[in-house]
N, C-alpha and C. Protein backbone atom coordinates (compact mmCIF):
# COMPACT_ATOMS: atom_id res chain seq x y z
N UNK A 1 -2.17 7.15 -5.57
CA UNK A 1 -0.95 6.59 -6.10
C UNK A 1 -0.37 7.45 -7.22
N UNK A 2 -0.59 8.73 -7.19
CA UNK A 2 -0.06 9.59 -8.25
C UNK A 2 1.46 9.68 -8.22
N UNK A 3 2.10 9.25 -7.14
CA UNK A 3 3.57 9.30 -7.06
C UNK A 3 4.22 8.06 -7.68
N UNK A 4 3.48 6.99 -7.86
CA UNK A 4 4.01 5.74 -8.41
C UNK A 4 3.45 5.57 -9.82
N UNK A 5 4.35 5.30 -10.76
CA UNK A 5 3.90 5.04 -12.13
C UNK A 5 4.54 3.76 -12.64
N UNK A 6 3.90 3.19 -13.65
CA UNK A 6 4.44 2.04 -14.36
C UNK A 6 4.48 2.41 -15.82
N UNK A 7 5.69 2.39 -16.37
CA UNK A 7 5.91 2.74 -17.77
C UNK A 7 6.83 1.69 -18.37
N UNK A 8 6.34 0.95 -19.34
CA UNK A 8 7.12 -0.13 -19.94
C UNK A 8 8.47 0.34 -20.48
N UNK A 9 8.60 1.63 -20.76
CA UNK A 9 9.84 2.17 -21.31
C UNK A 9 10.88 2.50 -20.23
N UNK A 10 10.47 2.44 -18.96
CA UNK A 10 11.37 2.77 -17.86
C UNK A 10 11.51 1.55 -16.95
N UNK A 11 12.72 1.09 -16.77
CA UNK A 11 13.03 -0.07 -15.92
C UNK A 11 12.15 -1.28 -16.20
N UNK A 12 11.89 -1.51 -17.49
CA UNK A 12 11.11 -2.68 -17.93
C UNK A 12 9.72 -2.75 -17.29
N UNK A 13 9.17 -1.61 -16.96
CA UNK A 13 7.81 -1.57 -16.43
C UNK A 13 7.69 -1.76 -14.93
N UNK A 14 8.82 -1.74 -14.22
CA UNK A 14 8.71 -1.84 -12.76
C UNK A 14 8.08 -0.56 -12.22
N UNK A 15 7.33 -0.65 -11.12
CA UNK A 15 6.77 0.55 -10.51
C UNK A 15 7.90 1.46 -10.02
N UNK A 16 7.83 2.74 -10.39
CA UNK A 16 8.85 3.71 -10.02
C UNK A 16 8.21 4.95 -9.43
N UNK A 17 9.05 5.76 -8.80
CA UNK A 17 8.61 7.07 -8.33
C UNK A 17 8.54 7.98 -9.55
N UNK A 18 7.41 8.61 -9.74
CA UNK A 18 7.20 9.48 -10.90
C UNK A 18 8.30 10.53 -11.00
N UNK A 19 8.83 10.68 -12.22
CA UNK A 19 9.86 11.68 -12.47
C UNK A 19 11.27 11.20 -12.15
N UNK A 20 11.40 9.92 -11.77
CA UNK A 20 12.71 9.35 -11.45
C UNK A 20 12.84 8.00 -12.13
N UNK A 21 13.99 7.39 -11.94
CA UNK A 21 14.20 6.01 -12.34
C UNK A 21 14.42 5.15 -11.09
N UNK A 22 13.86 5.61 -9.98
CA UNK A 22 14.00 4.90 -8.71
C UNK A 22 12.77 4.03 -8.51
N UNK A 23 13.00 2.72 -8.41
CA UNK A 23 11.88 1.79 -8.29
C UNK A 23 11.40 1.65 -6.85
N UNK A 24 10.16 1.24 -6.74
CA UNK A 24 9.58 0.92 -5.43
C UNK A 24 10.43 -0.17 -4.78
N UNK A 25 10.82 -1.14 -5.58
CA UNK A 25 11.65 -2.24 -5.09
C UNK A 25 12.95 -1.72 -4.46
N UNK A 26 13.61 -0.78 -5.11
CA UNK A 26 14.87 -0.23 -4.61
C UNK A 26 14.65 0.50 -3.29
N UNK A 27 13.57 1.25 -3.20
CA UNK A 27 13.27 1.95 -1.93
C UNK A 27 13.05 0.94 -0.81
N UNK A 28 12.31 -0.13 -1.09
CA UNK A 28 12.07 -1.15 -0.08
C UNK A 28 13.38 -1.83 0.31
N UNK A 29 14.26 -2.07 -0.65
CA UNK A 29 15.56 -2.67 -0.34
C UNK A 29 16.38 -1.76 0.58
N UNK A 30 16.36 -0.46 0.29
CA UNK A 30 17.10 0.47 1.15
C UNK A 30 16.55 0.46 2.57
N UNK A 31 15.23 0.49 2.69
CA UNK A 31 14.62 0.47 4.02
C UNK A 31 14.93 -0.83 4.74
N UNK A 32 14.84 -1.96 4.03
CA UNK A 32 15.08 -3.25 4.68
C UNK A 32 16.55 -3.44 5.06
N UNK A 33 17.45 -2.70 4.41
CA UNK A 33 18.86 -2.79 4.77
C UNK A 33 19.19 -1.95 6.00
N UNK A 34 18.19 -1.21 6.49
CA UNK A 34 18.39 -0.42 7.70
C UNK A 34 18.52 1.07 7.46
N UNK A 35 18.44 1.50 6.20
CA UNK A 35 18.53 2.94 5.94
C UNK A 35 17.28 3.62 6.47
N UNK A 36 17.46 4.75 7.07
CA UNK A 36 16.33 5.54 7.56
C UNK A 36 15.80 6.41 6.43
N UNK A 37 14.63 6.97 6.63
CA UNK A 37 14.08 7.92 5.67
C UNK A 37 15.10 9.03 5.43
N UNK A 38 15.69 9.50 6.52
CA UNK A 38 16.64 10.61 6.43
C UNK A 38 17.85 10.24 5.58
N UNK A 39 18.37 9.01 5.77
CA UNK A 39 19.51 8.55 4.98
C UNK A 39 19.16 8.49 3.50
N UNK A 40 17.99 7.97 3.20
CA UNK A 40 17.56 7.85 1.80
C UNK A 40 17.43 9.24 1.18
N UNK A 41 16.82 10.15 1.91
CA UNK A 41 16.63 11.51 1.39
C UNK A 41 17.95 12.24 1.22
N UNK A 42 18.94 11.92 2.04
CA UNK A 42 20.27 12.51 1.87
C UNK A 42 20.94 11.98 0.61
N UNK A 43 20.81 10.66 0.38
CA UNK A 43 21.44 10.02 -0.78
C UNK A 43 20.72 10.39 -2.09
N UNK A 44 19.44 10.60 -2.00
CA UNK A 44 18.61 10.90 -3.18
C UNK A 44 17.79 12.16 -2.89
N UNK A 45 18.42 13.32 -2.95
CA UNK A 45 17.75 14.56 -2.54
C UNK A 45 16.55 14.95 -3.40
N UNK A 46 16.42 14.35 -4.58
CA UNK A 46 15.26 14.66 -5.42
C UNK A 46 14.02 13.88 -4.95
N UNK A 47 14.20 12.92 -4.03
CA UNK A 47 13.05 12.23 -3.45
C UNK A 47 12.48 13.05 -2.30
N UNK A 48 11.24 12.79 -2.01
CA UNK A 48 10.56 13.42 -0.88
C UNK A 48 10.09 12.31 0.06
N UNK A 49 9.85 12.68 1.30
CA UNK A 49 9.35 11.71 2.28
C UNK A 49 8.07 11.05 1.76
N UNK A 50 7.24 11.83 1.08
CA UNK A 50 5.98 11.30 0.54
C UNK A 50 6.22 10.22 -0.51
N UNK A 51 7.35 10.29 -1.21
CA UNK A 51 7.69 9.26 -2.20
C UNK A 51 7.99 7.94 -1.51
N UNK A 52 8.72 7.99 -0.42
CA UNK A 52 9.04 6.78 0.34
C UNK A 52 7.77 6.18 0.92
N UNK A 53 6.92 7.03 1.48
CA UNK A 53 5.65 6.56 2.02
C UNK A 53 4.78 5.95 0.93
N UNK A 54 4.77 6.56 -0.25
CA UNK A 54 3.99 6.04 -1.37
C UNK A 54 4.49 4.65 -1.78
N UNK A 55 5.80 4.44 -1.74
CA UNK A 55 6.36 3.12 -2.04
C UNK A 55 5.87 2.08 -1.04
N UNK A 56 5.82 2.46 0.24
CA UNK A 56 5.32 1.54 1.27
C UNK A 56 3.84 1.25 1.08
N UNK A 57 3.07 2.27 0.77
CA UNK A 57 1.63 2.09 0.55
C UNK A 57 1.40 1.18 -0.66
N UNK A 58 2.17 1.41 -1.72
CA UNK A 58 2.05 0.59 -2.93
C UNK A 58 2.34 -0.88 -2.61
N UNK A 59 3.44 -1.15 -1.93
CA UNK A 59 3.80 -2.53 -1.58
C UNK A 59 2.74 -3.16 -0.68
N UNK A 60 2.25 -2.40 0.27
CA UNK A 60 1.20 -2.90 1.16
C UNK A 60 -0.06 -3.25 0.40
N UNK A 61 -0.42 -2.42 -0.57
CA UNK A 61 -1.64 -2.69 -1.34
C UNK A 61 -1.50 -3.97 -2.16
N UNK A 62 -0.30 -4.26 -2.65
CA UNK A 62 -0.09 -5.52 -3.38
C UNK A 62 -0.22 -6.72 -2.46
N UNK A 63 0.34 -6.60 -1.26
CA UNK A 63 0.26 -7.71 -0.31
C UNK A 63 -1.17 -7.95 0.16
N UNK A 64 -1.94 -6.89 0.27
CA UNK A 64 -3.34 -7.05 0.69
C UNK A 64 -4.14 -7.83 -0.34
N UNK A 65 -3.76 -7.71 -1.61
CA UNK A 65 -4.48 -8.41 -2.68
C UNK A 65 -3.95 -9.82 -2.92
N UNK A 66 -2.83 -10.14 -2.28
CA UNK A 66 -2.23 -11.46 -2.47
C UNK A 66 -3.16 -12.54 -1.97
N UNK A 67 -3.28 -13.60 -2.74
CA UNK A 67 -4.12 -14.72 -2.35
C UNK A 67 -3.24 -15.91 -2.03
N UNK A 68 -3.55 -16.57 -0.92
CA UNK A 68 -2.80 -17.73 -0.47
C UNK A 68 -3.68 -18.96 -0.66
N UNK A 69 -3.12 -19.97 -1.28
CA UNK A 69 -3.85 -21.21 -1.50
C UNK A 69 -3.14 -22.33 -0.76
N UNK A 70 -3.90 -23.10 -0.02
CA UNK A 70 -3.36 -24.25 0.68
C UNK A 70 -3.37 -25.42 -0.29
N UNK A 71 -2.23 -26.08 -0.39
CA UNK A 71 -2.12 -27.22 -1.29
C UNK A 71 -1.68 -28.42 -0.47
N UNK A 72 -2.45 -29.48 -0.58
CA UNK A 72 -2.10 -30.70 0.12
C UNK A 72 -1.48 -31.65 -0.89
N UNK A 73 -0.28 -32.11 -0.57
CA UNK A 73 0.43 -33.04 -1.46
C UNK A 73 0.40 -34.41 -0.81
N UNK A 74 -0.14 -35.35 -1.55
CA UNK A 74 -0.20 -36.72 -1.04
C UNK A 74 0.92 -37.54 -1.66
N UNK A 75 1.51 -38.39 -0.83
CA UNK A 75 2.54 -39.30 -1.33
C UNK A 75 1.89 -40.41 -2.12
N UNK A 76 2.57 -40.78 -3.17
CA UNK A 76 2.04 -41.88 -4.02
C UNK A 76 2.81 -43.15 -3.71
């Protein structure tokens, strides 16, 4: 994860691509809106394909650690 950093002084501590102010969240939003890797790299030429992949790996690692709890709510 050397491409992703968290610095409280940059974007309020959101995970970003090292050396940029581009957040993992923003990269995921671009991908989910239908932008291809190529489109993103054209719009942000200082990014590399490895940066986009690192954002995906980072997000995946967070989801893998996510814990789901079943809660049963009874009517009173």
